[in-house]
Structures are given as C-alpha cells and as structure tokens.
C-alpha cells in the first residue's frame, strides 16, 4: 500500500477532484499555502495499492501543468503538482 501526498496549485483542484471521483479514487483534500510565491495550494492525500499508481500518475499528468512565471526577479518554473509517494506499513479504517 502507498500513501500519496500531493501539493497542487489551486487552479487545478476542481478538474483533478472531478477526474479522481469519475475514476472511483477517493481523495482527502486539505487547504494549504506556502512555497516561494506564497500562492494558494491544496494538499491531497490518497491511499492506493501499488497497482493503481500508474493510473493516478496519468491523472496528475493530464490535469496539472508546469508553467513559467515572469516577474521582476526573473523567470521561474512553477510545478502544477509536487507529489510524494510513501510506503505504508499498515492501513486501518475504524
């Protein structure tokens, strides 16, 4: 079992959540902020079997995009999502 923690730009969340729900993938959504530009983000938590990881990865790649931001400090690439995949030793529903 895997735990996926994804920090996603707010502008992608609605489409991402709709796609996960359409695919029957359950997601916990947490509001968050931070990063270099202090922009609005949402943190998603997903529990998944390893066999579902490719499908989840494809959904993230389909919906979220890396973008370039230009400001007075220069040009920067902003990730649409930063994703961590963690091994889960035990999972319980109570």
PDB file of N, CA and C in Angstrom:
ATOM      1  N   UNK A   1       0.847  -1.175   0.000  1.00  0.00           N
ATOM      2  CA  UNK A   1       0.000   0.000   0.000  1.00  0.00           C
ATOM      3  C   UNK A   1       0.893   1.239   0.000  1.00  0.00           C
ATOM      4  N   UNK A   2       0.399   2.288  -0.635  1.00  0.00           N
ATOM      5  CA  UNK A   2       1.136   3.548  -0.746  1.00  0.00           C
ATOM      6  C   UNK A   2       0.266   4.702  -0.245  1.00  0.00           C
ATOM      7  N   UNK A   3       0.928   5.722   0.295  1.00  0.00           N
ATOM      8  CA  UNK A   3       0.282   6.986   0.635  1.00  0.00           C
ATOM      9  C   UNK A   3       0.853   8.024  -0.309  1.00  0.00           C
ATOM     10  N   UNK A   4      -0.029   8.712  -1.016  1.00  0.00           N
ATOM     11  CA  UNK A   4       0.386   9.766  -1.935  1.00  0.00           C
ATOM     12  C   UNK A   4       0.023  11.098  -1.301  1.00  0.00           C
ATOM     13  N   UNK A   5       1.010  11.957  -1.172  1.00  0.00           N
ATOM     14  CA  UNK A   5       0.803  13.321  -0.698  1.00  0.00           C
ATOM     15  C   UNK A   5       1.126  14.223  -1.876  1.00  0.00           C
ATOM     16  N   UNK A   6       0.143  14.984  -2.323  1.00  0.00           N
ATOM     17  CA  UNK A   6       0.329  15.841  -3.499  1.00  0.00           C
ATOM     18  C   UNK A   6      -0.017  17.281  -3.140  1.00  0.00           C
ATOM     19  N   UNK A   7       0.913  18.184  -3.381  1.00  0.00           N
ATOM     20  CA  UNK A   7       0.681  19.612  -3.187  1.00  0.00           C
ATOM     21  C   UNK A   7       0.407  20.187  -4.568  1.00  0.00           C
ATOM     22  N   UNK A   8      -0.820  20.691  -4.749  1.00  0.00           N
ATOM     23  CA  UNK A   8      -1.319  21.046  -6.080  1.00  0.00           C
ATOM     24  C   UNK A   8      -1.731  22.516  -6.105  1.00  0.00           C
ATOM     25  N   UNK A   9      -1.427  23.200  -7.203  1.00  0.00           N
ATOM     26  CA  UNK A   9      -1.915  24.569  -7.375  1.00  0.00           C
ATOM     27  C   UNK A   9      -3.440  24.564  -7.363  1.00  0.00           C
ATOM     28  N   UNK A  10      -4.015  25.547  -6.672  1.00  0.00           N
ATOM     29  CA  UNK A  10      -5.473  25.609  -6.528  1.00  0.00           C
ATOM     30  C   UNK A  10      -6.215  25.598  -7.863  1.00  0.00           C
ATOM     31  N   UNK A  11      -5.637  26.191  -8.887  1.00  0.00           N
ATOM     32  CA  UNK A  11      -6.361  26.285 -10.155  1.00  0.00           C
ATOM     33  C   UNK A  11      -6.611  24.928 -10.816  1.00  0.00           C
ATOM     34  N   UNK A  12      -5.902  23.885 -10.392  1.00  0.00           N
ATOM     35  CA  UNK A  12      -6.087  22.554 -10.970  1.00  0.00           C
ATOM     36  C   UNK A  12      -7.002  21.653 -10.141  1.00  0.00           C
ATOM     37  N   UNK A  13      -7.352  22.080  -8.942  1.00  0.00           N
ATOM     38  CA  UNK A  13      -8.025  21.193  -7.991  1.00  0.00           C
ATOM     39  C   UNK A  13      -9.388  20.715  -8.463  1.00  0.00           C
ATOM     40  N   UNK A  14     -10.244  21.599  -8.950  1.00  0.00           N
ATOM     41  CA  UNK A  14     -11.599  21.177  -9.342  1.00  0.00           C
ATOM     42  C   UNK A  14     -11.560  20.096 -10.417  1.00  0.00           C
ATOM     43  N   UNK A  15     -10.768  20.303 -11.458  1.00  0.00           N
ATOM     44  CA  UNK A  15     -10.670  19.305 -12.531  1.00  0.00           C
ATOM     45  C   UNK A  15     -10.057  18.003 -12.021  1.00  0.00           C
ATOM     46  N   UNK A  16      -9.068  18.126 -11.166  1.00  0.00           N
ATOM     47  CA  UNK A  16      -8.404  16.946 -10.615  1.00  0.00           C
ATOM     48  C   UNK A  16      -9.363  16.137  -9.744  1.00  0.00           C
ATOM     49  N   UNK A  17     -10.091  16.808  -8.867  1.00  0.00           N
ATOM     50  CA  UNK A  17     -11.045  16.117  -7.990  1.00  0.00           C
ATOM     51  C   UNK A  17     -12.144  15.446  -8.806  1.00  0.00           C
ATOM     52  N   UNK A  18     -12.660  16.141  -9.828  1.00  0.00           N
ATOM     53  CA  UNK A  18     -13.689  15.544 -10.696  1.00  0.00           C
ATOM     54  C   UNK A  18     -13.175  14.271 -11.353  1.00  0.00           C
ATOM     55  N   UNK A  19     -11.952  14.305 -11.854  1.00  0.00           N
ATOM     56  CA  UNK A  19     -11.375  13.141 -12.535  1.00  0.00           C
ATOM     57  C   UNK A  19     -11.166  11.982 -11.562  1.00  0.00           C
ATOM     58  N   UNK A  20     -10.647  12.276 -10.379  1.00  0.00           N
ATOM     59  CA  UNK A  20     -10.470  11.212  -9.388  1.00  0.00           C
ATOM     60  C   UNK A  20     -11.811  10.587  -9.015  1.00  0.00           C
ATOM     61  N   UNK A  21     -12.830  11.400  -8.810  1.00  0.00           N
ATOM     62  CA  UNK A  21     -14.153  10.865  -8.469  1.00  0.00           C
ATOM     63  C   UNK A  21     -14.716  10.027  -9.607  1.00  0.00           C
ATOM     64  N   UNK A  22     -14.555  10.493 -10.846  1.00  0.00           N
ATOM     65  CA  UNK A  22     -15.011   9.721 -12.010  1.00  0.00           C
ATOM     66  C   UNK A  22     -14.336   8.351 -12.077  1.00  0.00           C
ATOM     67  N   UNK A  23     -13.081   8.287 -11.643  1.00  0.00           N
ATOM     68  CA  UNK A  23     -12.308   7.041 -11.693  1.00  0.00           C
ATOM     69  C   UNK A  23     -12.482   6.192 -10.429  1.00  0.00           C
ATOM     70  N   UNK A  24     -13.299   6.682  -9.478  1.00  0.00           N
ATOM     71  CA  UNK A  24     -13.521   5.925  -8.240  1.00  0.00           C
ATOM     72  C   UNK A  24     -12.344   5.958  -7.283  1.00  0.00           C
ATOM     73  N   UNK A  25     -11.540   6.996  -7.369  1.00  0.00           N
ATOM     74  CA  UNK A  25     -10.377   7.150  -6.494  1.00  0.00           C
ATOM     75  C   UNK A  25     -10.738   8.149  -5.404  1.00  0.00           C
ATOM     76  N   UNK A  26     -10.648   7.699  -4.158  1.00  0.00           N
ATOM     77  CA  UNK A  26     -11.013   8.541  -3.023  1.00  0.00           C
ATOM     78  C   UNK A  26      -9.834   9.398  -2.597  1.00  0.00           C
ATOM     79  N   UNK A  27     -10.138  10.670  -2.299  1.00  0.00           N
ATOM     80  CA  UNK A  27      -9.109  11.658  -2.003  1.00  0.00           C
ATOM     81  C   UNK A  27      -9.532  12.473  -0.787  1.00  0.00           C
ATOM     82  N   UNK A  28      -8.577  12.774   0.088  1.00  0.00           N
ATOM     83  CA  UNK A  28      -8.795  13.732   1.170  1.00  0.00           C
ATOM     84  C   UNK A  28      -8.115  15.028   0.761  1.00  0.00           C
ATOM     85  N   UNK A  29      -8.854  16.134   0.879  1.00  0.00           N
ATOM     86  CA  UNK A  29      -8.379  17.437   0.415  1.00  0.00           C
ATOM     87  C   UNK A  29      -8.147  18.356   1.613  1.00  0.00           C
ATOM     88  N   UNK A  30      -6.969  18.971   1.668  1.00  0.00           N
ATOM     89  CA  UNK A  30      -6.610  19.899   2.736  1.00  0.00           C
ATOM     90  C   UNK A  30      -6.144  21.214   2.119  1.00  0.00           C
ATOM     91  N   UNK A  31      -6.651  22.336   2.613  1.00  0.00           N
ATOM     92  CA  UNK A  31      -6.164  23.630   2.135  1.00  0.00           C
ATOM     93  C   UNK A  31      -4.775  23.871   2.703  1.00  0.00           C
ATOM     94  N   UNK A  32      -3.915  24.457   1.900  1.00  0.00           N
ATOM     95  CA  UNK A  32      -2.555  24.750   2.349  1.00  0.00           C
ATOM     96  C   UNK A  32      -2.021  25.943   1.573  1.00  0.00           C
ATOM     97  N   UNK A  33      -0.932  26.495   2.044  1.00  0.00           N
ATOM     98  CA  UNK A  33      -0.278  27.575   1.310  1.00  0.00           C
ATOM     99  C   UNK A  33       1.203  27.522   1.627  1.00  0.00           C
ATOM    100  N   UNK A  34       1.963  28.231   0.849  1.00  0.00           N
ATOM    101  CA  UNK A  34       3.399  28.254   1.089  1.00  0.00           C
ATOM    102  C   UNK A  34       4.158  28.263  -0.204  1.00  0.00           C
ATOM    103  N   UNK A  35       5.414  27.979  -0.096  1.00  0.00           N
ATOM    104  CA  UNK A  35       6.259  27.996  -1.269  1.00  0.00           C
ATOM    105  C   UNK A  35       6.822  29.379  -1.516  1.00  0.00           C
ATOM    106  N   UNK A  36       7.627  29.453  -2.519  1.00  0.00           N
ATOM    107  CA  UNK A  36       8.353  30.677  -2.842  1.00  0.00           C
ATOM    108  C   UNK A  36       7.418  31.839  -3.149  1.00  0.00           C
ATOM    109  N   UNK A  37       6.308  31.552  -3.833  1.00  0.00           N
ATOM    110  CA  UNK A  37       5.405  32.623  -4.251  1.00  0.00           C
ATOM    111  C   UNK A  37       4.196  32.763  -3.339  1.00  0.00           C
ATOM    112  N   UNK A  38       4.121  31.958  -2.271  1.00  0.00           N
ATOM    113  CA  UNK A  38       3.028  32.007  -1.305  1.00  0.00           C
ATOM    114  C   UNK A  38       1.669  31.948  -1.994  1.00  0.00           C
ATOM    115  N   UNK A  39       1.577  31.160  -3.026  1.00  0.00           N
ATOM    116  CA  UNK A  39       0.326  31.031  -3.767  1.00  0.00           C
ATOM    117  C   UNK A  39      -0.571  29.999  -3.101  1.00  0.00           C
ATOM    118  N   UNK A  40      -1.851  30.018  -3.458  1.00  0.00           N
ATOM    119  CA  UNK A  40      -2.798  29.068  -2.903  1.00  0.00           C
ATOM    120  C   UNK A  40      -2.539  27.667  -3.414  1.00  0.00           C
ATOM    121  N   UNK A  41      -2.489  26.748  -2.484  1.00  0.00           N
ATOM    122  CA  UNK A  41      -2.276  25.346  -2.813  1.00  0.00           C
ATOM    123  C   UNK A  41      -3.290  24.502  -2.074  1.00  0.00           C
ATOM    124  N   UNK A  42      -3.455  23.301  -2.537  1.00  0.00           N
ATOM    125  CA  UNK A  42      -4.249  22.305  -1.842  1.00  0.00           C
ATOM    126  C   UNK A  42      -3.394  21.058  -1.726  1.00  0.00           C
ATOM    127  N   UNK A  43      -3.423  20.444  -0.553  1.00  0.00           N
ATOM    128  CA  UNK A  43      -2.714  19.186  -0.349  1.00  0.00           C
ATOM    129  C   UNK A  43      -3.716  18.050  -0.435  1.00  0.00           C
ATOM    130  N   UNK A  44      -3.417  17.078  -1.268  1.00  0.00           N
ATOM    131  CA  UNK A  44      -4.271  15.903  -1.425  1.00  0.00           C
ATOM    132  C   UNK A  44      -3.589  14.702  -0.787  1.00  0.00           C
ATOM    133  N   UNK A  45      -4.384  13.887  -0.094  1.00  0.00           N
ATOM    134  CA  UNK A  45      -3.910  12.633   0.483  1.00  0.00           C
ATOM    135  C   UNK A  45      -4.671  11.503  -0.176  1.00  0.00           C
ATOM    136  N   UNK A  46      -3.946  10.545  -0.720  1.00  0.00           N
ATOM    137  CA  UNK A  46      -4.566   9.393  -1.377  1.00  0.00           C
ATOM    138  C   UNK A  46      -3.908   8.120  -0.864  1.00  0.00           C
ATOM    139  N   UNK A  47      -4.712   7.151  -0.469  1.00  0.00           N
ATOM    140  CA  UNK A  47      -4.211   5.819  -0.170  1.00  0.00           C
ATOM    141  C   UNK A  47      -4.429   4.966  -1.407  1.00  0.00           C
ATOM    142  N   UNK A  48      -3.418   4.198  -1.793  1.00  0.00           N
ATOM    143  CA  UNK A  48      -3.525   3.460  -3.050  1.00  0.00           C
ATOM    144  C   UNK A  48      -2.738   2.159  -2.998  1.00  0.00           C
ATOM    145  N   UNK A  49      -3.250   1.178  -3.691  1.00  0.00           N
ATOM    146  CA  UNK A  49      -2.461  -0.029  -3.933  1.00  0.00           C
ATOM    147  C   UNK A  49      -1.430   0.307  -5.008  1.00  0.00           C
ATOM    148  N   UNK A  50      -0.332  -0.386  -4.992  1.00  0.00           N
ATOM    149  CA  UNK A  50       0.731  -0.120  -5.966  1.00  0.00           C
ATOM    150  C   UNK A  50       0.232  -0.262  -7.400  1.00  0.00           C
ATOM    151  N   UNK A  51      -0.708  -1.152  -7.628  1.00  0.00           N
ATOM    152  CA  UNK A  51      -1.234  -1.380  -8.979  1.00  0.00           C
ATOM    153  C   UNK A  51      -1.987  -0.166  -9.532  1.00  0.00           C
ATOM    154  N   UNK A  52      -2.402   0.764  -8.670  1.00  0.00           N
ATOM    155  CA  UNK A  52      -3.135   1.958  -9.102  1.00  0.00           C
ATOM    156  C   UNK A  52      -2.225   3.162  -9.358  1.00  0.00           C
ATOM    157  N   UNK A  53      -0.948   3.056  -9.025  1.00  0.00           N
ATOM    158  CA  UNK A  53      -0.054   4.215  -9.115  1.00  0.00           C
ATOM    159  C   UNK A  53       0.066   4.773 -10.525  1.00  0.00           C
ATOM    160  N   UNK A  54       0.153   3.931 -11.530  1.00  0.00           N
ATOM    161  CA  UNK A  54       0.267   4.422 -12.908  1.00  0.00           C
ATOM    162  C   UNK A  54      -0.971   5.211 -13.313  1.00  0.00           C
ATOM    163  N   UNK A  55      -2.145   4.727 -12.931  1.00  0.00           N
ATOM    164  CA  UNK A  55      -3.390   5.431 -13.249  1.00  0.00           C
ATOM    165  C   UNK A  55      -3.421   6.801 -12.562  1.00  0.00           C
ATOM    166  N   UNK A  56      -3.042   6.846 -11.294  1.00  0.00           N
ATOM    167  CA  UNK A  56      -3.034   8.106 -10.548  1.00  0.00           C
ATOM    168  C   UNK A  56      -2.009   9.063 -11.143  1.00  0.00           C
ATOM    169  N   UNK A  57      -0.834   8.566 -11.479  1.00  0.00           N
ATOM    170  CA  UNK A  57       0.198   9.383 -12.112  1.00  0.00           C
ATOM    171  C   UNK A  57      -0.315   9.978 -13.427  1.00  0.00           C
ATOM    172  N   UNK A  58      -0.993   9.176 -14.220  1.00  0.00           N
ATOM    173  CA  UNK A  58      -1.539   9.654 -15.502  1.00  0.00           C
ATOM    174  C   UNK A  58      -2.550  10.772 -15.301  1.00  0.00           C
ATOM    175  N   UNK A  59      -3.372  10.650 -14.275  1.00  0.00           N
ATOM    176  CA  UNK A  59      -4.367  11.691 -13.993  1.00  0.00           C
ATOM    177  C   UNK A  59      -3.670  12.995 -13.618  1.00  0.00           C
ATOM    178  N   UNK A  60      -2.689  12.919 -12.728  1.00  0.00           N
ATOM    179  CA  UNK A  60      -1.950  14.134 -12.363  1.00  0.00           C
ATOM    180  C   UNK A  60      -1.304  14.763 -13.594  1.00  0.00           C
ATOM    181  N   UNK A  61      -0.692  13.963 -14.448  1.00  0.00           N
ATOM    182  CA  UNK A  61      -0.012  14.496 -15.639  1.00  0.00           C
ATOM    183  C   UNK A  61      -0.997  15.082 -16.654  1.00  0.00           C
ATOM    184  N   UNK A  62      -2.193  14.503 -16.729  1.00  0.00           N
ATOM    185  CA  UNK A  62      -3.223  15.002 -17.649  1.00  0.00           C
ATOM    186  C   UNK A  62      -3.751  16.364 -17.209  1.00  0.00           C
ATOM    187  N   UNK A  63      -3.941  16.554 -15.912  1.00  0.00           N
ATOM    188  CA  UNK A  63      -4.622  17.747 -15.403  1.00  0.00           C
ATOM    189  C   UNK A  63      -3.655  18.874 -15.041  1.00  0.00           C
ATOM    190  N   UNK A  64      -2.569  18.563 -14.354  1.00  0.00           N
ATOM    191  CA  UNK A  64      -1.675  19.617 -13.868  1.00  0.00           C
ATOM    192  C   UNK A  64      -0.555  19.873 -14.868  1.00  0.00           C
ATOM    193  N   UNK A  65      -0.102  21.103 -14.900  1.00  0.00           N
ATOM    194  CA  UNK A  65       0.946  21.508 -15.845  1.00  0.00           C
ATOM    195  C   UNK A  65       1.976  22.393 -15.150  1.00  0.00           C
ATOM    196  N   UNK A  66       3.228  22.265 -15.576  1.00  0.00           N
ATOM    197  CA  UNK A  66       4.279  23.177 -15.139  1.00  0.00           C
ATOM    198  C   UNK A  66       4.167  24.441 -15.976  1.00  0.00           C
ATOM    199  N   UNK A  67       4.297  25.589 -15.310  1.00  0.00           N
ATOM    200  CA  UNK A  67       4.157  26.870 -16.005  1.00  0.00           C
ATOM    201  C   UNK A  67       5.356  27.754 -15.707  1.00  0.00           C
ATOM    202  N   UNK A  68       5.574  28.725 -16.566  1.00  0.00           N
ATOM    203  CA  UNK A  68       6.620  29.711 -16.328  1.00  0.00           C
ATOM    204  C   UNK A  68       5.995  30.985 -15.791  1.00  0.00           C
ATOM    205  N   UNK A  69       6.646  31.550 -14.784  1.00  0.00           N
ATOM    206  CA  UNK A  69       6.212  32.813 -14.205  1.00  0.00           C
ATOM    207  C   UNK A  69       7.318  33.828 -14.430  1.00  0.00           C
ATOM    208  N   UNK A  70       6.940  34.989 -14.914  1.00  0.00           N
ATOM    209  CA  UNK A  70       7.895  36.072 -15.123  1.00  0.00           C
ATOM    210  C   UNK A  70       7.534  37.193 -14.163  1.00  0.00           C
ATOM    211  N   UNK A  71       8.513  37.661 -13.401  1.00  0.00           N
ATOM    212  CA  UNK A  71       8.304  38.835 -12.560  1.00  0.00           C
ATOM    213  C   UNK A  71       9.606  39.624 -12.489  1.00  0.00           C
ATOM    214  N   UNK A  72       9.645  40.609 -11.588  1.00  0.00           N
ATOM    215  CA  UNK A  72      10.820  41.474 -11.514  1.00  0.00           C
ATOM    216  C   UNK A  72      12.093  40.723 -11.105  1.00  0.00           C
ATOM    217  N   UNK A  73      11.943  39.564 -10.492  1.00  0.00           N
ATOM    218  CA  UNK A  73      13.110  38.772 -10.080  1.00  0.00           C
ATOM    219  C   UNK A  73      13.632  37.863 -11.186  1.00  0.00           C
ATOM    220  N   UNK A  74      12.840  37.676 -12.228  1.00  0.00           N
ATOM    221  CA  UNK A  74      13.276  36.815 -13.319  1.00  0.00           C
ATOM    222  C   UNK A  74      12.198  35.856 -13.774  1.00  0.00           C
ATOM    223  N   UNK A  75      12.639  34.771 -14.376  1.00  0.00           N
ATOM    224  CA  UNK A  75      11.741  33.761 -14.929  1.00  0.00           C
ATOM    225  C   UNK A  75      11.859  32.498 -14.078  1.00  0.00           C
ATOM    226  N   UNK A  76      10.692  31.922 -13.707  1.00  0.00           N
ATOM    227  CA  UNK A  76      10.667  30.750 -12.840  1.00  0.00           C
ATOM    228  C   UNK A  76       9.705  29.711 -13.390  1.00  0.00           C
ATOM    229  N   UNK A  77      10.025  28.441 -13.166  1.00  0.00           N
ATOM    230  CA  UNK A  77       9.097  27.359 -13.494  1.00  0.00           C
ATOM    231  C   UNK A  77       8.347  26.974 -12.226  1.00  0.00           C
ATOM    232  N   UNK A  78       7.027  26.904 -12.334  1.00  0.00           N
ATOM    233  CA  UNK A  78       6.162  26.543 -11.213  1.00  0.00           C
ATOM    234  C   UNK A  78       5.526  25.199 -11.525  1.00  0.00           C
ATOM    235  N   UNK A  79       5.724  24.233 -10.661  1.00  0.00           N
ATOM    236  CA  UNK A  79       5.123  22.908 -10.855  1.00  0.00           C
ATOM    237  C   UNK A  79       3.631  22.973 -10.589  1.00  0.00           C
ATOM    238  N   UNK A  80       2.862  22.260 -11.396  1.00  0.00           N
ATOM    239  CA  UNK A  80       1.425  22.152 -11.155  1.00  0.00           C
ATOM    240  C   UNK A  80       1.132  21.301  -9.943  1.00  0.00           C
ATOM    241  N   UNK A  81       2.006  20.328  -9.681  1.00  0.00           N
ATOM    242  CA  UNK A  81       1.859  19.459  -8.516  1.00  0.00           C
ATOM    243  C   UNK A  81       3.229  18.933  -8.103  1.00  0.00           C
ATOM    244  N   UNK A  82       3.417  18.845  -6.802  1.00  0.00           N
ATOM    245  CA  UNK A  82       4.579  18.178  -6.229  1.00  0.00           C
ATOM    246  C   UNK A  82       4.046  16.959  -5.499  1.00  0.00           C
ATOM    247  N   UNK A  83       4.536  15.781  -5.864  1.00  0.00           N
ATOM    248  CA  UNK A  83       3.927  14.530  -5.407  1.00  0.00           C
ATOM    249  C   UNK A  83       4.961  13.676  -4.676  1.00  0.00           C
ATOM    250  N   UNK A  84       4.549  13.176  -3.513  1.00  0.00           N
ATOM    251  CA  UNK A  84       5.368  12.267  -2.714  1.00  0.00           C
ATOM    252  C   UNK A  84       4.627  10.942  -2.613  1.00  0.00           C
ATOM    253  N   UNK A  85       5.325   9.844  -2.822  1.00  0.00           N
ATOM    254  CA  UNK A  85       4.741   8.504  -2.686  1.00  0.00           C
ATOM    255  C   UNK A  85       5.501   7.800  -1.569  1.00  0.00           C
ATOM    256  N   UNK A  86       4.747   7.385  -0.548  1.00  0.00           N
ATOM    257  CA  UNK A  86       5.343   6.828   0.662  1.00  0.00           C
ATOM    258  C   UNK A  86       4.814   5.417   0.883  1.00  0.00           C
ATOM    259  N   UNK A  87       5.704   4.508   1.265  1.00  0.00           N
ATOM    260  CA  UNK A  87       5.276   3.154   1.621  1.00  0.00           C
ATOM    261  C   UNK A  87       4.465   3.196   2.915  1.00  0.00           C
ATOM    262  N   UNK A  88       3.379   2.434   2.945  1.00  0.00           N
ATOM    263  CA  UNK A  88       2.530   2.339   4.131  1.00  0.00           C
ATOM    264  C   UNK A  88       2.659   0.923   4.680  1.00  0.00           C
ATOM    265  N   UNK A  89       3.070   0.833   5.928  1.00  0.00           N
ATOM    266  CA  UNK A  89       3.221  -0.474   6.551  1.00  0.00           C
ATOM    267  C   UNK A  89       1.868  -1.066   6.923  1.00  0.00           C
ATOM    268  N   UNK A  90       0.956  -0.202   7.374  1.00  0.00           N
ATOM    269  CA  UNK A  90      -0.348  -0.680   7.831  1.00  0.00           C
ATOM    270  C   UNK A  90      -1.381   0.411   7.601  1.00  0.00           C
ATOM    271  N   UNK A  91      -2.564   0.022   7.185  1.00  0.00           N
ATOM    272  CA  UNK A  91      -3.669   0.954   6.974  1.00  0.00           C
ATOM    273  C   UNK A  91      -4.904   0.391   7.670  1.00  0.00           C
ATOM    274  N   UNK A  92      -5.635   1.254   8.396  1.00  0.00           N
ATOM    275  CA  UNK A  92      -6.834   0.807   9.108  1.00  0.00           C
ATOM    276  C   UNK A  92      -7.975   1.786   8.859  1.00  0.00           C
ATOM    277  N   UNK A  93      -9.174   1.260   8.744  1.00  0.00           N
ATOM    278  CA  UNK A  93     -10.387   2.083   8.711  1.00  0.00           C
ATOM    279  C   UNK A  93     -11.185   1.732   9.954  1.00  0.00           C
ATOM    280  N   UNK A  94     -11.492   2.737  10.741  1.00  0.00           N
ATOM    281  CA  UNK A  94     -12.181   2.485  12.012  1.00  0.00           C
ATOM    282  C   UNK A  94     -13.521   3.206  12.017  1.00  0.00           C
TER     283      UNK A  94
END
